Amino acid sequence: MVKIVSSPELEHALATLHRASSGTQDAMRQNAIDAVNRTWGPALASAAGTAAERKLLATGASADVDAGSMTLHAAKGPALTGGLANDGWAAIELGMDPKRIEAPNRRKTITLNGRPFRARTFVWVGRNLKPRNPDGYVIFPTVRKHGPRFVAAWIYGLIDVFRGSPFDIRKG
């Protein structure tokens, strides 16, 4: 979670958003979303070092701006080969210490005293992941490092709608 300390510029931008007409509010929101997406997506992609991080964490990164908040979305990429879906993003982001577990749906047949016997099978989980890191590898460090840039893009995106004089005609 990022705590944003209120500033006069931010308060003014949010007050303007609340007072604006609905068409202007929509334009301000969309402009702010576009501005944050131009910084968030590339920053996340550059922080991703492995193919799994790029595919699962950086693909589909986007921002959502509401009346008084900004939400950064990540880990919206497709499932990885091997069965790790995008809801398992924490395994890639935070890593995992390898461990040996009993395979729930697998048994091996061994012969004991001339008779076949179904024995438990153990498998290693997490050998292909980075070691456990509670500070994260991609998403959390990117937010810590570039958080002020994302907030600045949000504010400038809200205010940029009013750039120019009232007599300017925007074609679009």
N, C-alpha and C. Protein backbone atom coordinates (compact mmCIF):
# COMPACT_ATOMS: atom_id res chain seq x y z
N MET A 1 0.85 -1.17 0.00
CA MET A 1 0.00 0.00 0.00
C MET A 1 0.88 1.23 0.00
N VAL A 2 0.52 2.21 -0.77
CA VAL A 2 1.27 3.45 -0.86
C VAL A 2 0.46 4.52 -0.15
N LYS A 3 1.08 5.19 0.79
CA LYS A 3 0.40 6.26 1.49
C LYS A 3 0.77 7.57 0.80
N ILE A 4 -0.23 8.33 0.39
CA ILE A 4 0.00 9.60 -0.28
C ILE A 4 -0.34 10.71 0.70
N VAL A 5 0.67 11.50 1.00
CA VAL A 5 0.47 12.64 1.89
C VAL A 5 -0.16 13.75 1.07
N SER A 6 -1.21 14.33 1.57
CA SER A 6 -1.94 15.35 0.84
C SER A 6 -1.07 16.58 0.60
N SER A 7 -1.23 17.15 -0.59
CA SER A 7 -0.55 18.39 -0.93
C SER A 7 -1.58 19.34 -1.51
N PRO A 8 -1.28 20.64 -1.53
CA PRO A 8 -2.26 21.59 -2.08
C PRO A 8 -2.58 21.29 -3.55
N GLU A 9 -1.58 20.87 -4.33
CA GLU A 9 -1.83 20.58 -5.74
C GLU A 9 -2.78 19.40 -5.89
N LEU A 10 -2.55 18.35 -5.09
CA LEU A 10 -3.41 17.18 -5.16
C LEU A 10 -4.83 17.52 -4.71
N GLU A 11 -4.96 18.26 -3.63
CA GLU A 11 -6.30 18.66 -3.15
C GLU A 11 -7.02 19.49 -4.20
N HIS A 12 -6.30 20.39 -4.87
CA HIS A 12 -6.91 21.22 -5.90
C HIS A 12 -7.36 20.36 -7.09
N ALA A 13 -6.53 19.42 -7.50
CA ALA A 13 -6.89 18.55 -8.64
C ALA A 13 -8.11 17.71 -8.31
N LEU A 14 -8.16 17.14 -7.10
CA LEU A 14 -9.31 16.31 -6.72
C LEU A 14 -10.57 17.14 -6.55
N ALA A 15 -10.44 18.35 -6.00
CA ALA A 15 -11.61 19.23 -5.88
C ALA A 15 -12.13 19.62 -7.25
N THR A 16 -11.23 19.87 -8.19
CA THR A 16 -11.64 20.19 -9.55
C THR A 16 -12.36 19.01 -10.19
N LEU A 17 -11.86 17.82 -9.94
CA LEU A 17 -12.51 16.62 -10.48
C LEU A 17 -13.93 16.47 -9.93
N HIS A 18 -14.11 16.73 -8.64
CA HIS A 18 -15.44 16.60 -8.03
C HIS A 18 -16.41 17.66 -8.55
N ARG A 19 -15.91 18.87 -8.83
CA ARG A 19 -16.78 19.96 -9.28
C ARG A 19 -17.03 19.97 -10.78
N ALA A 20 -16.26 19.25 -11.53
CA ALA A 20 -16.37 19.30 -12.99
C ALA A 20 -17.64 18.61 -13.46
N SER A 21 -18.07 18.98 -14.66
CA SER A 21 -19.24 18.34 -15.26
C SER A 21 -18.87 16.89 -15.61
N SER A 22 -19.87 16.08 -15.86
CA SER A 22 -19.61 14.66 -16.07
C SER A 22 -18.72 14.41 -17.29
N GLY A 23 -18.91 15.17 -18.38
CA GLY A 23 -18.06 15.02 -19.55
C GLY A 23 -16.62 15.38 -19.26
N THR A 24 -16.42 16.43 -18.48
CA THR A 24 -15.07 16.84 -18.10
C THR A 24 -14.47 15.83 -17.13
N GLN A 25 -15.27 15.31 -16.21
CA GLN A 25 -14.78 14.28 -15.28
C GLN A 25 -14.29 13.05 -16.04
N ASP A 26 -15.07 12.63 -17.03
CA ASP A 26 -14.67 11.47 -17.83
C ASP A 26 -13.38 11.74 -18.58
N ALA A 27 -13.25 12.93 -19.14
CA ALA A 27 -12.03 13.29 -19.86
C ALA A 27 -10.84 13.34 -18.92
N MET A 28 -11.05 13.89 -17.71
CA MET A 28 -9.96 13.96 -16.73
C MET A 28 -9.53 12.56 -16.31
N ARG A 29 -10.51 11.69 -16.03
CA ARG A 29 -10.19 10.32 -15.63
C ARG A 29 -9.43 9.58 -16.72
N GLN A 30 -9.93 9.67 -17.96
CA GLN A 30 -9.29 8.95 -19.05
C GLN A 30 -7.88 9.49 -19.31
N ASN A 31 -7.72 10.80 -19.23
CA ASN A 31 -6.40 11.40 -19.41
C ASN A 31 -5.45 10.95 -18.31
N ALA A 32 -5.93 10.87 -17.07
CA ALA A 32 -5.10 10.41 -15.96
C ALA A 32 -4.75 8.93 -16.12
N ILE A 33 -5.71 8.11 -16.54
CA ILE A 33 -5.43 6.69 -16.77
C ILE A 33 -4.37 6.53 -17.84
N ASP A 34 -4.49 7.26 -18.94
CA ASP A 34 -3.50 7.18 -20.01
C ASP A 34 -2.12 7.61 -19.53
N ALA A 35 -2.07 8.67 -18.73
CA ALA A 35 -0.78 9.17 -18.22
C ALA A 35 -0.11 8.15 -17.29
N VAL A 36 -0.89 7.54 -16.40
CA VAL A 36 -0.32 6.56 -15.48
C VAL A 36 0.08 5.29 -16.23
N ASN A 37 -0.73 4.87 -17.20
CA ASN A 37 -0.39 3.67 -17.97
C ASN A 37 0.91 3.85 -18.75
N ARG A 38 1.19 5.09 -19.20
CA ARG A 38 2.45 5.34 -19.93
C ARG A 38 3.66 5.18 -19.02
N THR A 39 3.49 5.30 -17.71
CA THR A 39 4.62 5.14 -16.80
C THR A 39 4.61 3.77 -16.11
N TRP A 40 3.46 3.28 -15.72
CA TRP A 40 3.35 2.04 -14.94
C TRP A 40 3.75 0.81 -15.75
N GLY A 41 3.18 0.64 -16.92
CA GLY A 41 3.46 -0.54 -17.74
C GLY A 41 4.93 -0.68 -18.10
N PRO A 42 5.56 0.36 -18.66
CA PRO A 42 6.98 0.24 -19.00
C PRO A 42 7.89 0.05 -17.78
N ALA A 43 7.57 0.69 -16.67
CA ALA A 43 8.39 0.52 -15.46
C ALA A 43 8.32 -0.92 -14.96
N LEU A 44 7.14 -1.51 -15.02
CA LEU A 44 6.97 -2.89 -14.59
C LEU A 44 7.68 -3.84 -15.56
N ALA A 45 7.56 -3.58 -16.85
CA ALA A 45 8.20 -4.44 -17.84
C ALA A 45 9.72 -4.38 -17.73
N SER A 46 10.27 -3.21 -17.42
CA SER A 46 11.73 -3.10 -17.30
C SER A 46 12.24 -3.76 -16.02
N ALA A 47 11.40 -3.85 -15.01
CA ALA A 47 11.82 -4.49 -13.75
C ALA A 47 11.74 -6.01 -13.84
N ALA A 48 10.95 -6.53 -14.76
CA ALA A 48 10.81 -7.98 -14.91
C ALA A 48 12.07 -8.53 -15.57
N GLY A 49 12.73 -9.46 -14.87
CA GLY A 49 13.99 -9.98 -15.38
C GLY A 49 13.88 -11.32 -16.09
N THR A 50 12.87 -12.11 -15.78
CA THR A 50 12.74 -13.42 -16.40
C THR A 50 11.52 -13.46 -17.31
N ALA A 51 11.46 -14.47 -18.15
CA ALA A 51 10.32 -14.61 -19.06
C ALA A 51 9.02 -14.84 -18.27
N ALA A 52 9.11 -15.59 -17.18
CA ALA A 52 7.92 -15.83 -16.36
C ALA A 52 7.42 -14.54 -15.73
N GLU A 53 8.34 -13.69 -15.25
CA GLU A 53 7.94 -12.40 -14.66
C GLU A 53 7.32 -11.50 -15.72
N ARG A 54 7.90 -11.47 -16.90
CA ARG A 54 7.34 -10.63 -17.97
C ARG A 54 5.95 -11.12 -18.36
N LYS A 55 5.81 -12.43 -18.52
CA LYS A 55 4.53 -12.97 -18.99
C LYS A 55 3.43 -12.87 -17.95
N LEU A 56 3.73 -13.22 -16.71
CA LEU A 56 2.69 -13.29 -15.69
C LEU A 56 2.46 -11.96 -14.98
N LEU A 57 3.53 -11.23 -14.65
CA LEU A 57 3.39 -10.02 -13.84
C LEU A 57 3.23 -8.75 -14.67
N ALA A 58 4.03 -8.60 -15.74
CA ALA A 58 4.03 -7.33 -16.48
C ALA A 58 2.96 -7.28 -17.57
N THR A 59 2.59 -8.41 -18.13
CA THR A 59 1.58 -8.41 -19.19
C THR A 59 0.23 -8.00 -18.61
N GLY A 60 -0.41 -7.06 -19.27
CA GLY A 60 -1.73 -6.62 -18.83
C GLY A 60 -1.71 -5.60 -17.71
N ALA A 61 -0.54 -5.04 -17.39
CA ALA A 61 -0.48 -4.01 -16.34
C ALA A 61 -1.28 -2.79 -16.76
N SER A 62 -2.09 -2.28 -15.86
CA SER A 62 -2.92 -1.12 -16.18
C SER A 62 -3.22 -0.34 -14.90
N ALA A 63 -3.79 0.82 -15.10
CA ALA A 63 -4.16 1.68 -13.97
C ALA A 63 -5.65 1.99 -14.06
N ASP A 64 -6.23 2.28 -12.92
CA ASP A 64 -7.63 2.69 -12.85
C ASP A 64 -7.70 3.91 -11.94
N VAL A 65 -8.35 4.95 -12.41
CA VAL A 65 -8.45 6.19 -11.65
C VAL A 65 -9.91 6.42 -11.31
N ASP A 66 -10.18 6.71 -10.04
CA ASP A 66 -11.53 7.01 -9.60
C ASP A 66 -11.53 8.44 -9.08
N ALA A 67 -12.61 8.86 -8.48
CA ALA A 67 -12.75 10.24 -8.03
C ALA A 67 -11.64 10.66 -7.08
N GLY A 68 -11.19 9.79 -6.22
CA GLY A 68 -10.15 10.19 -5.28
C GLY A 68 -9.07 9.16 -5.09
N SER A 69 -8.99 8.20 -6.00
CA SER A 69 -8.00 7.14 -5.80
C SER A 69 -7.43 6.68 -7.14
N MET A 70 -6.28 6.03 -7.03
CA MET A 70 -5.64 5.44 -8.20
C MET A 70 -5.28 4.01 -7.82
N THR A 71 -5.61 3.07 -8.69
CA THR A 71 -5.31 1.67 -8.46
C THR A 71 -4.42 1.17 -9.59
N LEU A 72 -3.31 0.54 -9.22
CA LEU A 72 -2.40 -0.04 -10.19
C LEU A 72 -2.65 -1.54 -10.25
N HIS A 73 -2.89 -2.06 -11.45
CA HIS A 73 -3.16 -3.48 -11.63
C HIS A 73 -1.95 -4.13 -12.29
N ALA A 74 -1.61 -5.32 -11.82
CA ALA A 74 -0.53 -6.11 -12.42
C ALA A 74 -0.94 -7.58 -12.32
N ALA A 75 -0.11 -8.45 -12.85
CA ALA A 75 -0.34 -9.90 -12.80
C ALA A 75 -1.66 -10.27 -13.48
N LYS A 76 -1.90 -9.68 -14.61
CA LYS A 76 -3.10 -10.00 -15.38
C LYS A 76 -2.76 -10.82 -16.62
N GLY A 77 -1.54 -11.33 -16.68
CA GLY A 77 -1.09 -12.09 -17.83
C GLY A 77 -1.70 -13.47 -17.88
N PRO A 78 -1.43 -14.19 -18.98
CA PRO A 78 -1.97 -15.55 -19.13
C PRO A 78 -1.26 -16.54 -18.21
N ALA A 79 -1.82 -17.70 -18.10
CA ALA A 79 -1.23 -18.76 -17.27
C ALA A 79 0.11 -19.19 -17.86
N LEU A 80 1.01 -19.59 -16.99
CA LEU A 80 2.30 -20.09 -17.43
C LEU A 80 2.20 -21.56 -17.77
N THR A 81 3.05 -22.03 -18.67
CA THR A 81 3.07 -23.46 -18.94
C THR A 81 3.53 -24.16 -17.68
N GLY A 82 2.94 -25.25 -17.38
CA GLY A 82 3.24 -25.95 -16.13
C GLY A 82 2.12 -25.77 -15.13
N GLY A 83 1.12 -24.93 -15.46
CA GLY A 83 -0.07 -24.86 -14.63
C GLY A 83 -0.17 -23.68 -13.68
N LEU A 84 0.81 -22.77 -13.65
CA LEU A 84 0.71 -21.64 -12.74
C LEU A 84 -0.16 -20.56 -13.37
N ALA A 85 -1.38 -20.39 -12.86
CA ALA A 85 -2.31 -19.40 -13.38
C ALA A 85 -1.96 -18.03 -12.82
N ASN A 86 -2.62 -16.97 -13.35
CA ASN A 86 -2.28 -15.62 -12.89
C ASN A 86 -2.72 -15.37 -11.45
N ASP A 87 -3.54 -16.22 -10.86
CA ASP A 87 -3.86 -16.05 -9.44
C ASP A 87 -2.72 -16.59 -8.56
N GLY A 88 -1.73 -17.22 -9.16
CA GLY A 88 -0.55 -17.67 -8.43
C GLY A 88 0.62 -16.71 -8.61
N TRP A 89 0.31 -15.44 -8.83
CA TRP A 89 1.34 -14.43 -9.09
C TRP A 89 2.32 -14.30 -7.93
N ALA A 90 1.88 -14.58 -6.72
CA ALA A 90 2.75 -14.40 -5.55
C ALA A 90 3.95 -15.35 -5.60
N ALA A 91 3.79 -16.50 -6.22
CA ALA A 91 4.92 -17.42 -6.32
C ALA A 91 6.04 -16.82 -7.16
N ILE A 92 5.68 -16.09 -8.21
CA ILE A 92 6.69 -15.45 -9.06
C ILE A 92 7.19 -14.18 -8.40
N GLU A 93 6.30 -13.39 -7.81
CA GLU A 93 6.68 -12.10 -7.22
C GLU A 93 7.49 -12.28 -5.93
N LEU A 94 7.09 -13.17 -5.06
CA LEU A 94 7.73 -13.31 -3.75
C LEU A 94 8.69 -14.48 -3.66
N GLY A 95 8.70 -15.35 -4.67
CA GLY A 95 9.59 -16.50 -4.66
C GLY A 95 9.09 -17.59 -3.73
N MET A 96 9.89 -18.66 -3.63
CA MET A 96 9.50 -19.78 -2.78
C MET A 96 10.73 -20.61 -2.47
N ASP A 97 10.84 -21.05 -1.24
CA ASP A 97 11.90 -21.97 -0.88
C ASP A 97 11.47 -23.37 -1.31
N PRO A 98 12.30 -24.07 -2.08
CA PRO A 98 11.91 -25.40 -2.55
C PRO A 98 11.62 -26.35 -1.39
N LYS A 99 10.61 -27.18 -1.58
CA LYS A 99 10.30 -28.17 -0.55
C LYS A 99 9.80 -29.45 -1.21
N ARG A 100 9.97 -30.53 -0.51
CA ARG A 100 9.57 -31.85 -0.99
C ARG A 100 8.23 -32.18 -0.33
N ILE A 101 7.22 -32.43 -1.17
CA ILE A 101 5.88 -32.74 -0.64
C ILE A 101 5.39 -34.05 -1.22
N GLU A 102 4.39 -34.60 -0.56
CA GLU A 102 3.76 -35.82 -1.06
C GLU A 102 2.82 -35.45 -2.20
N ALA A 103 2.95 -36.13 -3.31
CA ALA A 103 2.07 -35.88 -4.46
C ALA A 103 0.68 -36.42 -4.13
N PRO A 104 -0.34 -35.58 -4.17
CA PRO A 104 -1.67 -36.03 -3.72
C PRO A 104 -2.31 -37.06 -4.64
N ASN A 105 -2.02 -37.02 -5.93
CA ASN A 105 -2.71 -37.91 -6.87
C ASN A 105 -1.76 -38.89 -7.55
N ARG A 106 -0.63 -39.15 -6.93
CA ARG A 106 0.35 -40.04 -7.54
C ARG A 106 0.80 -41.09 -6.54
N ARG A 107 0.95 -42.30 -7.00
CA ARG A 107 1.48 -43.40 -6.20
C ARG A 107 2.45 -44.17 -7.08
N LYS A 108 3.44 -44.73 -6.48
CA LYS A 108 4.35 -45.59 -7.23
C LYS A 108 4.18 -47.02 -6.71
N THR A 109 4.39 -47.95 -7.62
CA THR A 109 4.27 -49.36 -7.25
C THR A 109 5.66 -49.92 -6.99
N ILE A 110 5.83 -50.45 -5.79
CA ILE A 110 7.09 -51.10 -5.45
C ILE A 110 6.78 -52.54 -5.07
N THR A 111 7.78 -53.37 -5.18
CA THR A 111 7.59 -54.78 -4.82
C THR A 111 8.24 -55.00 -3.46
N LEU A 112 7.46 -55.50 -2.53
CA LEU A 112 7.93 -55.75 -1.17
C LEU A 112 7.63 -57.21 -0.84
N ASN A 113 8.68 -58.00 -0.60
CA ASN A 113 8.53 -59.45 -0.32
C ASN A 113 7.78 -60.16 -1.43
N GLY A 114 8.04 -59.75 -2.68
CA GLY A 114 7.42 -60.40 -3.82
C GLY A 114 6.01 -59.96 -4.12
N ARG A 115 5.49 -59.01 -3.35
CA ARG A 115 4.12 -58.54 -3.57
C ARG A 115 4.14 -57.07 -3.96
N PRO A 116 3.32 -56.65 -4.96
CA PRO A 116 3.28 -55.23 -5.34
C PRO A 116 2.61 -54.41 -4.24
N PHE A 117 3.14 -53.24 -4.02
CA PHE A 117 2.65 -52.36 -2.97
C PHE A 117 2.61 -50.94 -3.51
N ARG A 118 1.50 -50.21 -3.28
CA ARG A 118 1.35 -48.82 -3.74
C ARG A 118 1.91 -47.90 -2.65
N ALA A 119 3.02 -47.24 -2.96
CA ALA A 119 3.69 -46.38 -1.99
C ALA A 119 3.47 -44.91 -2.34
N ARG A 120 3.65 -44.07 -1.35
CA ARG A 120 3.54 -42.63 -1.57
C ARG A 120 4.65 -42.15 -2.51
N THR A 121 4.34 -41.10 -3.25
CA THR A 121 5.33 -40.50 -4.14
C THR A 121 5.57 -39.07 -3.67
N PHE A 122 6.81 -38.69 -3.63
CA PHE A 122 7.17 -37.33 -3.24
C PHE A 122 7.71 -36.58 -4.45
N VAL A 123 7.38 -35.28 -4.53
CA VAL A 123 7.87 -34.43 -5.61
C VAL A 123 8.43 -33.15 -5.00
N TRP A 124 9.32 -32.49 -5.75
CA TRP A 124 9.86 -31.20 -5.34
C TRP A 124 9.01 -30.09 -5.93
N VAL A 125 8.67 -29.10 -5.11
CA VAL A 125 7.89 -27.95 -5.54
C VAL A 125 8.73 -26.70 -5.32
N GLY A 126 8.75 -25.83 -6.31
CA GLY A 126 9.43 -24.53 -6.17
C GLY A 126 10.88 -24.52 -6.59
N ARG A 127 11.35 -25.56 -7.21
CA ARG A 127 12.76 -25.57 -7.64
C ARG A 127 13.03 -24.59 -8.76
N ASN A 128 12.03 -24.25 -9.56
CA ASN A 128 12.22 -23.35 -10.68
C ASN A 128 11.88 -21.90 -10.33
N LEU A 129 11.66 -21.61 -9.06
CA LEU A 129 11.34 -20.25 -8.63
C LEU A 129 12.54 -19.64 -7.90
N LYS A 130 12.54 -18.32 -7.86
CA LYS A 130 13.58 -17.62 -7.11
C LYS A 130 13.38 -17.89 -5.63
N PRO A 131 14.44 -17.69 -4.82
CA PRO A 131 14.28 -17.90 -3.37
C PRO A 131 13.28 -16.91 -2.77
N ARG A 132 12.72 -17.27 -1.65
CA ARG A 132 11.72 -16.44 -0.96
C ARG A 132 12.29 -15.07 -0.64
N ASN A 133 11.51 -14.02 -1.00
CA ASN A 133 11.89 -12.64 -0.73
C ASN A 133 10.62 -11.88 -0.36
N PRO A 134 10.41 -11.57 0.91
CA PRO A 134 9.16 -10.90 1.31
C PRO A 134 9.01 -9.49 0.74
N ASP A 135 10.10 -8.90 0.24
CA ASP A 135 10.02 -7.57 -0.37
C ASP A 135 9.65 -7.63 -1.84
N GLY A 136 9.58 -8.79 -2.42
CA GLY A 136 9.20 -8.95 -3.81
C GLY A 136 10.35 -8.75 -4.77
N TYR A 137 10.11 -9.11 -6.01
CA TYR A 137 11.13 -9.00 -7.05
C TYR A 137 10.77 -8.00 -8.14
N VAL A 138 9.48 -7.82 -8.45
CA VAL A 138 9.10 -6.97 -9.58
C VAL A 138 8.10 -5.89 -9.16
N ILE A 139 6.90 -6.27 -8.75
CA ILE A 139 5.82 -5.32 -8.52
C ILE A 139 6.12 -4.40 -7.34
N PHE A 140 6.42 -4.98 -6.17
CA PHE A 140 6.63 -4.17 -4.98
C PHE A 140 7.84 -3.24 -5.11
N PRO A 141 8.99 -3.71 -5.62
CA PRO A 141 10.11 -2.78 -5.79
C PRO A 141 9.81 -1.66 -6.80
N THR A 142 9.03 -1.98 -7.83
CA THR A 142 8.68 -0.95 -8.82
C THR A 142 7.81 0.13 -8.20
N VAL A 143 6.85 -0.27 -7.39
CA VAL A 143 6.00 0.73 -6.72
C VAL A 143 6.81 1.56 -5.73
N ARG A 144 7.71 0.91 -4.99
CA ARG A 144 8.55 1.66 -4.05
C ARG A 144 9.47 2.64 -4.77
N LYS A 145 10.05 2.22 -5.86
CA LYS A 145 11.02 3.04 -6.57
C LYS A 145 10.38 4.17 -7.37
N HIS A 146 9.28 3.85 -8.07
CA HIS A 146 8.68 4.82 -8.98
C HIS A 146 7.33 5.36 -8.51
N GLY A 147 6.94 5.10 -7.28
CA GLY A 147 5.65 5.57 -6.78
C GLY A 147 5.40 7.05 -6.99
N PRO A 148 6.35 7.92 -6.66
CA PRO A 148 6.13 9.34 -6.90
C PRO A 148 5.89 9.69 -8.38
N ARG A 149 6.52 8.95 -9.28
CA ARG A 149 6.29 9.19 -10.72
C ARG A 149 4.86 8.85 -11.09
N PHE A 150 4.32 7.77 -10.51
CA PHE A 150 2.95 7.37 -10.84
C PHE A 150 1.95 8.38 -10.30
N VAL A 151 2.20 8.87 -9.10
CA VAL A 151 1.30 9.88 -8.52
C VAL A 151 1.38 11.18 -9.32
N ALA A 152 2.60 11.57 -9.72
CA ALA A 152 2.76 12.78 -10.54
C ALA A 152 2.04 12.63 -11.88
N ALA A 153 2.14 11.46 -12.49
CA ALA A 153 1.44 11.23 -13.76
C ALA A 153 -0.07 11.31 -13.56
N TRP A 154 -0.55 10.81 -12.43
CA TRP A 154 -1.98 10.88 -12.11
C TRP A 154 -2.42 12.34 -11.99
N ILE A 155 -1.68 13.13 -11.23
CA ILE A 155 -2.06 14.54 -11.03
C ILE A 155 -1.97 15.31 -12.33
N TYR A 156 -0.85 15.16 -13.05
CA TYR A 156 -0.71 15.88 -14.32
C TYR A 156 -1.74 15.42 -15.34
N GLY A 157 -2.11 14.16 -15.29
CA GLY A 157 -3.16 13.67 -16.18
C GLY A 157 -4.50 14.31 -15.89
N LEU A 158 -4.81 14.53 -14.61
CA LEU A 158 -6.06 15.20 -14.25
C LEU A 158 -6.06 16.66 -14.69
N ILE A 159 -4.94 17.33 -14.48
CA ILE A 159 -4.86 18.77 -14.74
C ILE A 159 -4.67 19.06 -16.22
N ASP A 160 -4.06 18.16 -16.96
CA ASP A 160 -3.72 18.41 -18.36
C ASP A 160 -4.95 18.67 -19.23
N VAL A 161 -6.12 18.25 -18.79
CA VAL A 161 -7.35 18.51 -19.54
C VAL A 161 -7.58 20.00 -19.67
N PHE A 162 -7.12 20.77 -18.70
CA PHE A 162 -7.37 22.21 -18.69
C PHE A 162 -6.25 23.03 -19.32
N ARG A 163 -5.30 22.36 -19.97
CA ARG A 163 -4.18 23.06 -20.60
C ARG A 163 -4.71 23.93 -21.74
N GLY A 164 -4.18 25.11 -21.88
CA GLY A 164 -4.59 26.01 -22.95
C GLY A 164 -5.63 26.99 -22.43
N SER A 165 -6.07 27.85 -23.31
CA SER A 165 -7.06 28.86 -22.91
C SER A 165 -8.46 28.33 -23.13
N PRO A 166 -9.47 28.97 -22.55
CA PRO A 166 -10.85 28.51 -22.74
C PRO A 166 -11.32 28.64 -24.18
N PHE A 167 -10.60 29.40 -24.98
CA PHE A 167 -11.03 29.62 -26.37
C PHE A 167 -10.39 28.64 -27.34
N ASP A 168 -9.52 27.77 -26.83
CA ASP A 168 -8.92 26.75 -27.68
C ASP A 168 -9.99 25.75 -28.07
N ILE A 169 -9.93 25.30 -29.31
CA ILE A 169 -10.87 24.29 -29.78
C ILE A 169 -10.09 23.01 -30.01
N ARG A 170 -10.49 21.97 -29.29
CA ARG A 170 -9.83 20.68 -29.46
C ARG A 170 -10.61 19.86 -30.46
N LYS A 171 -9.88 19.35 -31.43
CA LYS A 171 -10.52 18.47 -32.41
C LYS A 171 -10.24 17.05 -31.97
N GLY A 172 -11.21 16.21 -32.03
CA GLY A 172 -10.95 14.86 -31.58
C GLY A 172 -11.97 13.95 -31.92
